[in-house]
Amino acid sequence: MENFKMKKLIKRIASFAMAVAMTLSVSVTAKAATAGIDVSKYQGAINWSAVAASGISFTFIKAGSTNKGMDPYFVSNVQGAQAAGVRTGVYIYSYATTPEQAAAEAELLLQWIEPYNINFPVAIDIEDNVQKGLDAGTCTAIANTFCSIVSQAGYTPIVYTYTNFYKSHFTSGLAYDKWIAQYADHNDTPGWAIWQYSSSGSVPGIAGRVDMNTAAKDYTAFIPAVGLLDMGAGNVYFFNNYRRQFGWVDVAGVKYHTDPTTGIVTTGWFADETGSYYFTPGTANAAVGLNTIDNGIYYFNEAAQLQTGWLELDGFTFFFNPAENGKLFTGWWSDPAVGTRYLDTTDGHMLTGLSVIGKDMYFFNEQGLLQTGWIDVQGATYMFNPNDNGKMYKGWWTDPTGTYYLDAVDAHRVTGLTSIDGSVYYFNETGQMQVGAVNVGGVTYFFGADGKMQTGIQAVGDATYFFGADGAMATGFIQTKDGIYYAGADGKLVIGQAVQIGAGQYLFGADGKMVVNQVVQIGNTLYQTDETGLVVAAAPAPQATITTKAK
């Protein structure tokens, strides 16, 4: 910029009128596109609000050089331009004659601009006398080295020079954008991105002349404040504070990742020494929480790291299968060392308590482990069949401890007197079916070997009893359609004897029935009964005469 301006000074003075007319003409076209300026200490203090109000949308501010250090107006210019909303690029005047020196210039410039959000390209100004004797390959290498370092720092680099210098000192190997100075009504350098078309512009807020520029490339679209920049062909980059990012990026708690070398954003699955992550295609943000990915559900913690194994989420337990890269598991899960669990097929939560799976009921404890055998649940006892994967059992159940019955409706283990398929059974407090004589609440019942309640006359041991239609053991006089029986207080039927009952004596035959209006011999006694069975007479039975026949 500086040497080029000096050489053009005499020519500009000689043709001032024509230059002014040309500048005004070109500046109108430039302003209609994108109008910009570049400034240094030579413009002195600048009123950037007035500059912005005039329609200037971008500026390049000289940062300095390795020979003279930082430009004395650099800081105030950057702060003023950015406060006024003018897009701000910077440049360093280069004295580099080797790529190594260009690298040093790049590092110096990066130090100077680090405190600021530079939101327009970062330029190297190559035009000094020390560079005129360099061959095109060397100049190109100087430019590419500088720009590569700037690019790796996340900035958008550009190379400034003037037309003739560009034509004689650069090759087609220049890999970065070109900012070309050509003071004419056109720029004949192919592919220029920014054209410095005048050094004698006049802009409100600046005393004296200023370089005028127009941009063919819309850098506002290529240097976003924050977010993704899609350059096509899969080349998507992430910007933050107007800088392309490399590696891990955290913006307001949202994580992104880009290739540490190319800056291309990572999408899909990614793993490094810190864990596994998933970056959502399209937005590139790292997934957190529950996320559906390729028909699977995965969980990422607040740091976006994939979680596997058993996890507690909002009061529920889930299993993210390590064998399937952390995919949410549903269905039956068995671990020989721990036990069997079931993860709901709808949302994956681990079941606990009584749970219906398919058409069957199961029980899982508080740790979600499948339980088998006898289980007490809310005051009732159930059998979860160990021979059928723990399914709740209904109906008759026999094991070495006894015989039980599980209700056909809700499967609870029954106790007490219970009617099953038309028969009555009795199950004790632990649900075991009882047989024989059983006292229930002060009432005696008799249950056969099959557990069924018996009625009528039943022989129990050495005695005979009578059980009514309700199964209760009878005492006292018992009226049946076949006759009258009598059972003592112990329930035993009186059989083949006369007994004193109240004020009278009654006779009961060998079948236990009361003898009515008959004379009956019982043992060695003859009894006479009336129509009520009352014994009205009793006498010794005649003795049989044994006759011995003489021989």
Protein backbone atom coordinates (compact mmCIF):
# COMPACT_ATOMS: atom_id res chain seq x y z
CA MET A 1 0.00 0.00 0.00
CA GLU A 2 2.71 2.43 0.99
CA ASN A 3 5.27 2.04 -1.86
CA PHE A 4 2.54 1.67 -4.40
CA LYS A 5 1.02 4.97 -3.27
CA MET A 6 4.33 6.85 -3.56
CA LYS A 7 4.90 5.74 -7.11
CA LYS A 8 1.46 6.80 -8.11
CA LEU A 9 1.61 10.22 -6.46
CA ILE A 10 3.10 12.23 -9.34
CA LYS A 11 0.81 10.58 -11.83
CA ARG A 12 -2.21 11.32 -9.63
CA ILE A 13 -1.25 15.00 -9.31
CA ALA A 14 -0.82 15.33 -13.07
CA SER A 15 -4.19 13.92 -13.76
CA PHE A 16 -6.05 15.02 -10.65
CA ALA A 17 -9.21 16.13 -12.37
CA MET A 18 -9.53 12.89 -14.28
CA ALA A 19 -8.75 10.87 -11.16
CA VAL A 20 -11.42 12.66 -9.16
CA ALA A 21 -14.00 12.08 -11.82
CA MET A 22 -12.97 8.42 -12.13
CA THR A 23 -12.99 7.94 -8.38
CA LEU A 24 -16.42 9.43 -8.00
CA SER A 25 -17.72 7.29 -10.80
CA VAL A 26 -16.20 4.07 -9.53
CA SER A 27 -17.08 4.77 -5.91
CA VAL A 28 -20.75 4.99 -6.75
CA THR A 29 -20.62 1.54 -8.32
CA ALA A 30 -18.54 0.22 -5.41
CA LYS A 31 -20.84 1.67 -2.82
CA ALA A 32 -23.81 0.15 -4.57
CA ALA A 33 -22.06 -3.18 -4.05
CA THR A 34 -20.03 -3.15 -0.81
CA ALA A 35 -18.09 -0.02 0.14
CA GLY A 36 -14.99 -0.16 2.29
CA ILE A 37 -11.85 1.68 3.26
CA ASP A 38 -8.41 0.89 4.67
CA VAL A 39 -6.75 3.14 7.22
CA SER A 40 -3.57 3.60 9.25
CA LYS A 41 -1.89 6.28 11.34
CA TYR A 42 -1.88 8.55 8.28
CA GLN A 43 -5.63 9.12 8.66
CA GLY A 44 -5.18 10.26 12.26
CA ALA A 45 -8.14 10.12 14.65
CA ILE A 46 -11.30 8.89 12.94
CA ASN A 47 -14.95 9.50 13.77
CA TRP A 48 -16.16 5.98 13.13
CA SER A 49 -19.81 6.77 13.76
CA ALA A 50 -19.69 9.26 10.89
CA VAL A 51 -17.88 6.72 8.73
CA ALA A 52 -20.56 4.11 9.37
CA ALA A 53 -23.34 6.61 8.74
CA SER A 54 -21.83 7.43 5.34
CA GLY A 55 -22.44 3.87 4.14
CA ILE A 56 -19.00 2.36 4.66
CA SER A 57 -19.58 -1.26 5.66
CA PHE A 58 -16.04 -2.59 6.08
CA THR A 59 -12.52 -1.44 6.78
CA PHE A 60 -9.00 -2.79 6.89
CA ILE A 61 -6.98 -1.33 9.76
CA LYS A 62 -3.22 -1.40 9.76
CA ALA A 63 -1.90 -3.30 12.76
CA GLY A 64 1.73 -2.43 12.15
CA SER A 65 4.90 -4.11 10.91
CA THR A 66 7.91 -5.97 12.23
CA ASN A 67 10.11 -2.95 11.52
CA LYS A 68 8.06 -0.25 13.25
CA GLY A 69 5.87 -2.21 15.65
CA MET A 70 2.17 -1.65 16.25
CA ASP A 71 0.48 1.23 14.45
CA PRO A 72 -0.23 3.94 17.06
CA TYR A 73 -3.86 4.20 15.97
CA PHE A 74 -4.48 0.46 15.69
CA VAL A 75 -6.27 -0.05 19.01
CA SER A 76 -8.44 3.05 18.80
CA ASN A 77 -9.33 2.31 15.18
CA VAL A 78 -10.36 -1.28 15.91
CA GLN A 79 -12.40 -0.31 18.93
CA GLY A 80 -14.03 2.62 17.16
CA ALA A 81 -14.88 0.73 13.99
CA GLN A 82 -16.38 -2.19 15.86
CA ALA A 83 -18.35 0.07 18.18
CA ALA A 84 -19.82 1.75 15.08
CA GLY A 85 -20.74 -1.58 13.50
CA VAL A 86 -18.21 -1.43 10.69
CA ARG A 87 -16.87 -4.84 9.69
CA THR A 88 -13.23 -4.84 10.71
CA GLY A 89 -10.33 -6.47 8.91
CA VAL A 90 -6.64 -5.90 9.65
CA TYR A 91 -3.34 -6.02 7.78
CA ILE A 92 0.33 -6.14 8.53
CA TYR A 93 2.86 -4.47 6.26
CA SER A 94 5.30 -7.20 5.30
CA TYR A 95 9.08 -7.09 5.07
CA ALA A 96 9.39 -10.86 4.82
CA THR A 97 11.78 -12.28 2.25
CA THR A 98 11.41 -15.89 3.36
CA PRO A 99 8.47 -18.06 4.40
CA GLU A 100 10.01 -18.24 7.90
CA GLN A 101 9.89 -14.47 8.23
CA ALA A 102 6.31 -14.50 6.97
CA ALA A 103 5.45 -17.01 9.68
CA ALA A 104 6.92 -14.69 12.31
CA GLU A 105 4.85 -11.81 10.92
CA ALA A 106 1.73 -13.95 11.12
CA GLU A 107 2.41 -14.89 14.75
CA LEU A 108 3.04 -11.25 15.66
CA LEU A 109 -0.17 -10.11 14.01
CA LEU A 110 -2.15 -12.85 15.76
CA GLN A 111 -0.86 -11.58 19.10
CA TRP A 112 -1.95 -8.05 18.28
CA ILE A 113 -5.47 -8.97 17.20
CA GLU A 114 -6.18 -11.63 19.84
CA PRO A 115 -8.09 -9.23 22.17
CA TYR A 116 -10.55 -8.28 19.41
CA ASN A 117 -13.26 -9.95 17.39
CA ILE A 118 -11.88 -9.40 13.92
CA ASN A 119 -14.84 -9.93 11.62
CA PHE A 120 -13.34 -9.31 8.18
CA PRO A 121 -10.24 -10.82 6.51
CA VAL A 122 -6.73 -10.63 7.93
CA ALA A 123 -4.26 -9.45 5.28
CA ILE A 124 -0.58 -9.52 4.52
CA ASP A 125 0.55 -6.48 2.49
CA ILE A 126 3.29 -7.66 0.10
CA GLU A 127 4.79 -4.82 -1.96
CA ASP A 128 7.93 -3.59 -0.22
CA ASN A 129 11.21 -2.89 -2.04
CA VAL A 130 12.89 -5.78 -0.18
CA GLN A 131 10.48 -8.13 -1.91
CA LYS A 132 10.91 -6.84 -5.45
CA GLY A 133 13.93 -8.97 -6.11
CA LEU A 134 12.20 -12.15 -5.01
CA ASP A 135 11.05 -14.67 -7.55
CA ALA A 136 7.38 -15.52 -7.93
CA GLY A 137 7.77 -18.86 -6.20
CA THR A 138 9.23 -17.26 -3.10
CA CYS A 139 6.59 -14.53 -2.90
CA THR A 140 3.88 -17.11 -3.35
CA ALA A 141 5.40 -19.23 -0.57
CA ILE A 142 5.61 -16.17 1.70
CA ALA A 143 1.93 -15.41 1.12
CA ASN A 144 0.78 -19.01 1.52
CA THR A 145 2.80 -19.48 4.73
CA PHE A 146 1.36 -16.35 6.29
CA CYS A 147 -2.20 -17.16 5.22
CA SER A 148 -1.96 -20.77 6.38
CA ILE A 149 -1.02 -19.70 9.91
CA VAL A 150 -3.76 -17.08 9.98
CA SER A 151 -6.26 -19.61 8.67
CA GLN A 152 -5.26 -22.17 11.32
CA ALA A 153 -5.94 -19.50 13.93
CA GLY A 154 -9.50 -19.34 12.63
CA TYR A 155 -9.31 -16.09 10.71
CA THR A 156 -10.01 -15.57 7.01
CA PRO A 157 -6.72 -14.64 5.30
CA ILE A 158 -6.21 -12.49 2.22
CA VAL A 159 -3.16 -11.25 0.28
CA TYR A 160 -2.82 -7.55 -0.58
CA THR A 161 -0.65 -6.27 -3.40
CA TYR A 162 -0.97 -4.15 -6.52
CA THR A 163 -1.66 -5.42 -10.02
CA ASN A 164 1.81 -5.28 -11.54
CA PHE A 165 3.46 -6.76 -8.48
CA TYR A 166 0.91 -9.56 -8.45
CA LYS A 167 1.52 -10.36 -12.11
CA SER A 168 5.29 -10.50 -11.71
CA HIS A 169 5.70 -11.98 -8.24
CA PHE A 170 2.99 -14.59 -7.78
CA THR A 171 2.18 -17.90 -9.38
CA SER A 172 -1.06 -19.77 -9.78
CA GLY A 173 -0.03 -21.58 -6.60
CA LEU A 174 -1.33 -18.71 -4.49
CA ALA A 175 -4.01 -20.51 -2.49
CA TYR A 176 -5.81 -17.60 -0.85
CA ASP A 177 -8.04 -14.65 -1.67
CA LYS A 178 -6.57 -11.60 -3.39
CA TRP A 179 -6.98 -7.95 -2.45
CA ILE A 180 -5.68 -6.08 -5.47
CA ALA A 181 -4.89 -2.38 -5.81
CA GLN A 182 -5.55 -1.05 -9.29
CA TYR A 183 -6.46 2.60 -9.67
CA ALA A 184 -8.49 2.46 -12.81
CA ASP A 185 -12.05 2.01 -13.94
CA HIS A 186 -11.64 -1.75 -13.81
CA ASN A 187 -9.54 -4.47 -12.20
CA ASP A 188 -8.00 -6.83 -14.72
CA THR A 189 -6.63 -9.30 -12.15
CA PRO A 190 -8.69 -12.47 -12.47
CA GLY A 191 -10.44 -13.69 -9.32
CA TRP A 192 -9.89 -10.67 -7.09
CA ALA A 193 -11.99 -10.67 -3.93
CA ILE A 194 -11.41 -7.05 -2.89
CA TRP A 195 -10.39 -4.19 -5.15
CA GLN A 196 -8.67 -1.10 -3.88
CA TYR A 197 -9.76 1.21 -6.63
CA SER A 198 -8.68 4.60 -5.27
CA SER A 199 -6.36 6.21 -2.76
CA SER A 200 -8.03 9.61 -2.87
CA GLY A 201 -11.46 8.91 -1.51
CA SER A 202 -13.28 11.25 0.82
CA VAL A 203 -15.36 9.82 3.65
CA PRO A 204 -17.17 11.71 6.43
CA GLY A 205 -15.37 11.29 9.75
CA ILE A 206 -11.91 11.11 8.15
CA ALA A 207 -9.72 14.17 7.61
CA GLY A 208 -8.04 14.00 4.23
CA ARG A 209 -7.93 11.27 1.69
CA VAL A 210 -8.51 7.59 2.31
CA ASP A 211 -8.13 4.39 0.28
CA MET A 212 -11.41 3.15 -1.17
CA ASN A 213 -12.29 -0.49 -1.68
CA THR A 214 -15.10 -2.64 -2.95
CA ALA A 215 -15.65 -6.33 -2.29
CA ALA A 216 -16.68 -8.81 -4.93
CA LYS A 217 -16.95 -11.49 -2.26
CA ASP A 218 -19.55 -11.18 0.47
CA TYR A 219 -17.36 -11.80 3.49
CA THR A 220 -20.26 -11.17 5.85
CA ALA A 221 -21.65 -14.47 4.59
CA PHE A 222 -18.30 -16.23 4.90
CA ILE A 223 -17.37 -14.88 8.33
CA PRO A 224 -20.42 -15.43 10.57
CA ALA A 225 -20.36 -14.28 14.18
CA VAL A 226 -21.28 -17.72 15.43
CA GLY A 227 -22.63 -20.85 13.80
CA LEU A 228 -22.10 -23.06 10.81
CA LEU A 229 -20.70 -22.11 7.43
CA ASP A 230 -21.44 -24.60 4.66
CA MET A 231 -18.96 -24.28 1.83
CA GLY A 232 -20.43 -27.22 -0.06
CA ALA A 233 -19.05 -30.66 -0.86
CA GLY A 234 -19.22 -31.59 2.80
CA ASN A 235 -17.03 -28.72 3.89
CA VAL A 236 -18.91 -27.28 6.85
CA TYR A 237 -17.14 -25.11 9.40
CA PHE A 238 -18.07 -23.67 12.76
CA PHE A 239 -17.43 -20.05 13.66
CA ASN A 240 -17.42 -18.41 17.05
CA ASN A 241 -16.62 -14.73 17.54
CA TYR A 242 -16.04 -14.57 13.77
CA ARG A 243 -13.27 -17.17 13.91
CA ARG A 244 -13.27 -20.60 12.40
CA GLN A 245 -12.91 -23.12 15.21
CA PHE A 246 -10.67 -26.14 15.53
CA GLY A 247 -11.15 -29.09 17.86
CA TRP A 248 -13.63 -28.76 20.72
CA VAL A 249 -15.94 -25.75 20.83
CA ASP A 250 -18.32 -24.74 23.64
CA VAL A 251 -20.88 -22.05 22.90
CA ALA A 252 -23.24 -21.22 25.75
CA GLY A 253 -22.94 -24.75 27.09
CA VAL A 254 -23.49 -26.41 23.72
CA LYS A 255 -20.61 -28.50 22.43
CA TYR A 256 -19.32 -28.79 18.89
CA HIS A 257 -16.29 -30.49 17.45
CA THR A 258 -14.28 -29.74 14.35
CA ASP A 259 -11.29 -31.40 12.78
CA PRO A 260 -8.20 -30.00 14.53
CA THR A 261 -6.46 -29.55 11.17
CA THR A 262 -9.13 -28.69 8.62
CA GLY A 263 -11.78 -27.19 10.87
CA ILE A 264 -14.50 -29.24 9.17
CA VAL A 265 -17.27 -29.88 11.68
CA THR A 266 -17.80 -33.34 13.04
CA THR A 267 -21.23 -34.90 12.58
CA GLY A 268 -22.45 -38.31 13.58
CA TRP A 269 -20.54 -40.52 16.00
CA PHE A 270 -17.18 -39.40 17.33
CA ALA A 271 -14.91 -40.83 20.01
CA ASP A 272 -11.69 -39.69 21.63
CA GLU A 273 -9.91 -40.31 24.91
CA THR A 274 -12.64 -38.41 26.78
CA GLY A 275 -15.53 -40.57 25.58
CA SER A 276 -18.03 -41.11 22.79
CA TYR A 277 -20.21 -38.35 21.40
CA TYR A 278 -22.86 -37.81 18.76
CA PHE A 279 -23.03 -34.61 16.74
CA THR A 280 -26.41 -33.99 15.18
CA PRO A 281 -26.27 -33.82 11.37
CA GLY A 282 -27.44 -30.46 10.11
CA THR A 283 -26.84 -28.54 13.33
CA ALA A 284 -23.57 -30.26 14.41
CA ASN A 285 -24.28 -29.75 18.11
CA ALA A 286 -23.36 -32.53 20.51
CA ALA A 287 -26.37 -34.48 21.68
CA VAL A 288 -27.27 -34.38 25.37
CA GLY A 289 -29.94 -36.30 27.25
CA LEU A 290 -32.08 -38.93 25.53
CA ASN A 291 -31.71 -38.93 21.75
CA THR A 292 -33.12 -41.13 19.00
CA ILE A 293 -30.35 -42.04 16.56
CA ASP A 294 -30.89 -44.48 13.68
CA ASN A 295 -33.91 -46.14 15.33
CA GLY A 296 -32.07 -46.47 18.63
CA ILE A 297 -32.27 -44.38 21.79
CA TYR A 298 -29.08 -43.25 23.50
CA TYR A 299 -28.27 -41.14 26.53
CA PHE A 300 -25.60 -38.46 26.78
CA ASN A 301 -24.74 -36.69 30.03
CA GLU A 302 -24.48 -32.92 30.48
CA ALA A 303 -20.96 -33.07 29.09
CA ALA A 304 -22.41 -34.78 25.98
CA GLN A 305 -20.59 -38.03 26.75
CA LEU A 306 -22.35 -41.27 25.82
CA GLN A 307 -23.45 -43.22 28.88
CA THR A 308 -23.80 -47.00 29.05
CA GLY A 309 -25.03 -49.53 31.57
CA TRP A 310 -27.73 -48.95 34.20
CA LEU A 311 -28.81 -45.32 34.58
CA GLU A 312 -31.28 -43.55 36.87
CA LEU A 313 -33.21 -40.89 34.93
CA ASP A 314 -36.10 -38.92 36.41
CA GLY A 315 -36.83 -41.62 38.97
CA PHE A 316 -36.71 -44.51 36.50
CA THR A 317 -33.99 -47.02 35.71
CA PHE A 318 -32.87 -47.74 32.16
CA PHE A 319 -30.26 -49.99 30.60
CA PHE A 320 -28.08 -48.69 27.80
CA ASN A 321 -26.41 -51.77 26.39
CA PRO A 322 -22.61 -51.49 26.24
CA ALA A 323 -22.59 -54.33 23.72
CA GLU A 324 -24.66 -52.17 21.32
CA ASN A 325 -22.72 -48.93 21.74
CA GLY A 326 -25.07 -47.76 24.49
CA LYS A 327 -28.35 -48.36 22.68
CA LEU A 328 -31.38 -48.37 24.99
CA PHE A 329 -32.28 -51.97 25.74
CA THR A 330 -35.86 -53.24 25.91
CA GLY A 331 -37.24 -56.65 26.79
CA TRP A 332 -35.76 -59.38 28.97
CA TRP A 333 -32.25 -58.88 30.32
CA SER A 334 -30.40 -61.62 32.20
CA ASP A 335 -27.08 -61.44 33.98
CA PRO A 336 -26.02 -64.76 35.51
CA ALA A 337 -24.22 -62.94 38.29
CA VAL A 338 -27.16 -60.72 39.21
CA GLY A 339 -30.47 -61.99 37.90
CA THR A 340 -33.17 -61.24 35.35
CA ARG A 341 -34.82 -57.90 34.67
CA TYR A 342 -37.34 -56.58 32.17
CA LEU A 343 -37.12 -53.25 30.35
CA ASP A 344 -40.43 -51.90 29.11
CA THR A 345 -40.76 -52.20 25.33
CA THR A 346 -42.49 -48.82 25.08
CA ASP A 347 -40.03 -46.51 26.81
CA GLY A 348 -37.33 -48.81 28.16
CA HIS A 349 -37.83 -48.20 31.88
CA MET A 350 -37.02 -51.09 34.21
CA LEU A 351 -40.11 -52.72 35.68
CA THR A 352 -40.61 -53.13 39.41
CA GLY A 353 -43.45 -54.67 41.41
CA LEU A 354 -46.34 -56.52 39.78
CA SER A 355 -46.03 -56.09 36.04
CA VAL A 356 -47.98 -57.39 33.07
CA ILE A 357 -45.80 -58.56 30.19
CA GLY A 358 -47.75 -59.85 27.23
CA LYS A 359 -50.64 -61.74 28.79
CA ASP A 360 -48.77 -62.78 31.92
CA MET A 361 -48.04 -61.25 35.29
CA TYR A 362 -44.57 -61.14 36.86
CA PHE A 363 -43.05 -59.64 39.97
CA PHE A 364 -39.83 -57.65 40.18
CA ASN A 365 -38.30 -56.39 43.41
CA GLU A 366 -37.15 -52.81 44.06
CA GLN A 367 -33.91 -53.53 42.20
CA GLY A 368 -35.91 -54.75 39.22
CA LEU A 369 -34.88 -58.38 39.69
CA LEU A 370 -37.39 -61.04 38.67
CA GLN A 371 -38.70 -62.95 41.68
CA THR A 372 -39.86 -66.56 41.69
CA GLY A 373 -41.58 -68.81 44.21
CA TRP A 374 -43.85 -67.54 46.98
CA ILE A 375 -43.98 -63.74 47.12
CA ASP A 376 -45.98 -61.54 49.51
CA VAL A 377 -47.34 -58.47 47.76
CA GLN A 378 -49.47 -55.93 49.62
CA GLY A 379 -50.81 -58.44 52.10
CA ALA A 380 -51.47 -61.25 49.62
CA THR A 381 -49.28 -64.19 48.65
CA TYR A 382 -48.65 -65.30 45.08
CA MET A 383 -46.76 -68.06 43.35
CA PHE A 384 -44.43 -66.97 40.55
CA ASN A 385 -43.62 -70.23 38.86
CA PRO A 386 -39.87 -70.89 38.86
CA ASN A 387 -40.46 -73.53 36.21
CA ASP A 388 -42.06 -71.02 33.83
CA ASN A 389 -39.72 -67.99 33.95
CA GLY A 390 -41.51 -66.54 36.95
CA LYS A 391 -45.01 -66.25 35.48
CA MET A 392 -47.73 -65.73 38.06
CA TYR A 393 -49.40 -69.10 38.68
CA LYS A 394 -53.13 -69.83 39.03
CA GLY A 395 -54.87 -72.99 40.14
CA TRP A 396 -53.65 -75.98 42.14
CA TRP A 397 -50.02 -76.02 43.22
CA THR A 398 -48.31 -78.91 45.01
CA ASP A 399 -44.77 -78.96 46.30
CA PRO A 400 -42.99 -80.76 49.14
CA THR A 401 -44.54 -78.37 51.67
CA GLY A 402 -48.14 -79.16 50.71
CA THR A 403 -50.95 -78.41 48.33
CA TYR A 404 -52.13 -74.86 47.66
CA TYR A 405 -54.65 -73.08 45.51
CA LEU A 406 -54.01 -69.82 43.66
CA ASP A 407 -57.20 -67.92 42.90
CA ALA A 408 -58.32 -68.28 39.30
CA VAL A 409 -59.12 -64.56 39.04
CA ASP A 410 -56.27 -62.66 40.71
CA ALA A 411 -53.94 -65.56 41.60
CA HIS A 412 -53.68 -64.81 45.31
CA ARG A 413 -53.04 -67.82 47.51
CA VAL A 414 -56.34 -68.65 49.20
CA THR A 415 -56.77 -69.35 52.92
CA GLY A 416 -59.72 -70.49 55.00
CA LEU A 417 -62.86 -72.14 53.65
CA THR A 418 -62.86 -71.82 49.89
CA SER A 419 -65.25 -73.07 47.22
CA ILE A 420 -63.45 -74.42 44.17
CA ASP A 421 -65.28 -76.01 41.25
CA GLY A 422 -68.34 -76.88 43.36
CA SER A 423 -66.43 -78.28 46.32
CA VAL A 424 -65.35 -76.67 49.57
CA TYR A 425 -61.76 -76.88 50.81
CA TYR A 426 -59.94 -75.53 53.79
CA PHE A 427 -56.52 -73.91 53.62
CA ASN A 428 -54.66 -72.92 56.76
CA GLU A 429 -53.05 -69.54 57.40
CA THR A 430 -50.07 -70.42 55.20
CA GLY A 431 -52.37 -71.64 52.42
CA GLN A 432 -51.79 -75.37 52.87
CA MET A 433 -54.80 -77.54 52.06
CA GLN A 434 -56.05 -79.50 55.10
CA VAL A 435 -57.48 -83.02 55.28
CA GLY A 436 -59.35 -84.86 58.03
CA ALA A 437 -61.16 -83.16 60.92
CA VAL A 438 -60.40 -79.47 61.18
CA ASN A 439 -61.66 -76.97 63.72
CA VAL A 440 -62.48 -73.67 62.10
CA GLY A 441 -63.61 -70.92 64.38
CA GLY A 442 -64.97 -73.37 66.91
CA VAL A 443 -66.73 -75.44 64.25
CA THR A 444 -65.42 -78.85 63.24
CA TYR A 445 -65.36 -79.90 59.60
CA PHE A 446 -64.11 -82.99 57.88
CA PHE A 447 -62.15 -82.96 54.67
CA GLY A 448 -61.39 -86.08 52.68
CA ALA A 449 -58.01 -87.21 51.47
CA ASP A 450 -58.55 -85.04 48.37
CA GLY A 451 -59.26 -82.03 50.58
CA LYS A 452 -62.93 -81.82 49.73
CA MET A 453 -65.33 -81.01 52.56
CA GLN A 454 -67.42 -84.07 53.55
CA THR A 455 -71.07 -84.14 54.65
CA GLY A 456 -73.29 -86.78 56.20
CA ILE A 457 -72.03 -89.74 58.24
CA GLN A 458 -68.27 -90.05 58.20
CA ALA A 459 -66.02 -92.51 60.00
CA VAL A 460 -63.11 -90.72 61.56
CA GLY A 461 -60.68 -93.05 63.23
CA ASP A 462 -62.58 -95.32 65.62
CA ALA A 463 -65.62 -93.05 65.80
CA THR A 464 -68.42 -91.98 63.51
CA TYR A 465 -69.57 -88.40 63.06
CA PHE A 466 -72.29 -86.58 61.23
CA PHE A 467 -71.54 -83.46 59.21
CA GLY A 468 -74.37 -81.26 58.06
CA ALA A 469 -74.99 -79.89 54.60
CA ASP A 470 -72.73 -76.95 55.47
CA GLY A 471 -70.01 -79.36 56.56
CA ALA A 472 -70.24 -78.48 60.23
CA MET A 473 -70.04 -81.39 62.66
CA ALA A 474 -73.43 -81.97 64.35
CA THR A 475 -74.13 -82.68 68.03
CA GLY A 476 -77.31 -83.63 69.83
CA PHE A 477 -80.32 -85.03 67.96
CA ILE A 478 -79.83 -85.08 64.22
CA GLN A 479 -82.92 -85.32 62.04
CA THR A 480 -82.41 -86.75 58.55
CA LYS A 481 -84.78 -88.13 55.98
CA ASP A 482 -83.54 -91.60 56.87
CA GLY A 483 -84.03 -91.25 60.60
CA ILE A 484 -82.81 -89.64 63.77
CA TYR A 485 -79.24 -89.81 65.04
CA TYR A 486 -77.62 -88.54 68.16
CA ALA A 487 -74.11 -87.19 68.65
CA GLY A 488 -72.57 -86.37 71.94
CA ALA A 489 -70.86 -83.13 72.79
CA ASP A 490 -67.71 -84.52 71.16
CA GLY A 491 -69.63 -85.13 67.95
CA LYS A 492 -69.41 -88.90 68.11
CA LEU A 493 -72.58 -90.68 67.00
CA VAL A 494 -74.23 -93.02 69.52
CA ILE A 495 -74.34 -96.45 67.88
CA GLY A 496 -75.77 -99.71 69.26
CA GLN A 497 -76.59 -98.49 72.72
CA ALA A 498 -79.14 -96.88 74.95
CA VAL A 499 -78.09 -93.53 76.34
CA GLN A 500 -79.55 -91.22 78.90
CA ILE A 501 -80.50 -87.95 77.25
CA GLY A 502 -82.08 -85.49 79.55
CA ALA A 503 -84.80 -87.19 81.62
CA GLY A 504 -85.16 -90.17 79.32
CA GLN A 505 -83.25 -93.01 77.84
CA TYR A 506 -83.10 -93.48 74.06
CA LEU A 507 -82.03 -96.44 72.02
CA PHE A 508 -79.90 -96.23 68.87
CA GLY A 509 -79.33 -99.24 66.69
CA ALA A 510 -76.21 -100.63 65.11
CA ASP A 511 -76.64 -98.20 62.21
CA GLY A 512 -76.86 -95.27 64.62
CA LYS A 513 -80.51 -94.59 63.93
CA MET A 514 -82.93 -94.09 66.80
CA VAL A 515 -85.05 -97.27 67.37
CA VAL A 516 -88.76 -96.40 67.36
CA ASN A 517 -91.66 -98.73 68.49
CA GLN A 518 -89.49 -101.77 68.54
CA VAL A 519 -88.17 -104.41 70.88
CA VAL A 520 -84.48 -104.70 70.26
CA GLN A 521 -81.79 -106.68 71.94
CA ILE A 522 -78.63 -104.80 72.53
CA GLY A 523 -76.06 -107.03 74.16
CA ASN A 524 -77.79 -108.96 76.92
CA THR A 525 -80.68 -106.54 77.27
CA LEU A 526 -84.02 -106.28 75.53
CA TYR A 527 -85.28 -102.76 75.03
CA GLN A 528 -88.80 -101.60 74.26
CA THR A 529 -89.11 -98.13 72.68
CA ASP A 530 -92.13 -96.01 71.94
CA GLU A 531 -92.84 -93.83 68.93
CA THR A 532 -90.38 -91.15 70.14
CA GLY A 533 -87.56 -93.62 70.62
CA LEU A 534 -87.83 -93.39 74.36
CA VAL A 535 -87.03 -96.66 76.14
CA VAL A 536 -90.16 -97.64 78.00
CA ALA A 537 -89.02 -101.10 79.17
CA ALA A 538 -85.83 -103.01 79.51
CA ALA A 539 -85.19 -106.56 80.66
CA PRO A 540 -82.49 -109.13 80.50
CA ALA A 541 -82.60 -111.06 77.30
CA PRO A 542 -83.45 -114.76 77.64
CA GLN A 543 -80.42 -116.97 77.91
CA ALA A 544 -80.06 -119.53 75.22
CA THR A 545 -80.38 -123.19 76.48
CA ILE A 546 -77.61 -125.45 75.46
CA THR A 547 -78.70 -129.12 75.24
CA THR A 548 -76.11 -131.81 75.38
CA LYS A 549 -77.12 -134.98 73.56
CA ALA A 550 -76.17 -138.22 75.29
CA LYS A 551 -73.94 -140.46 73.38
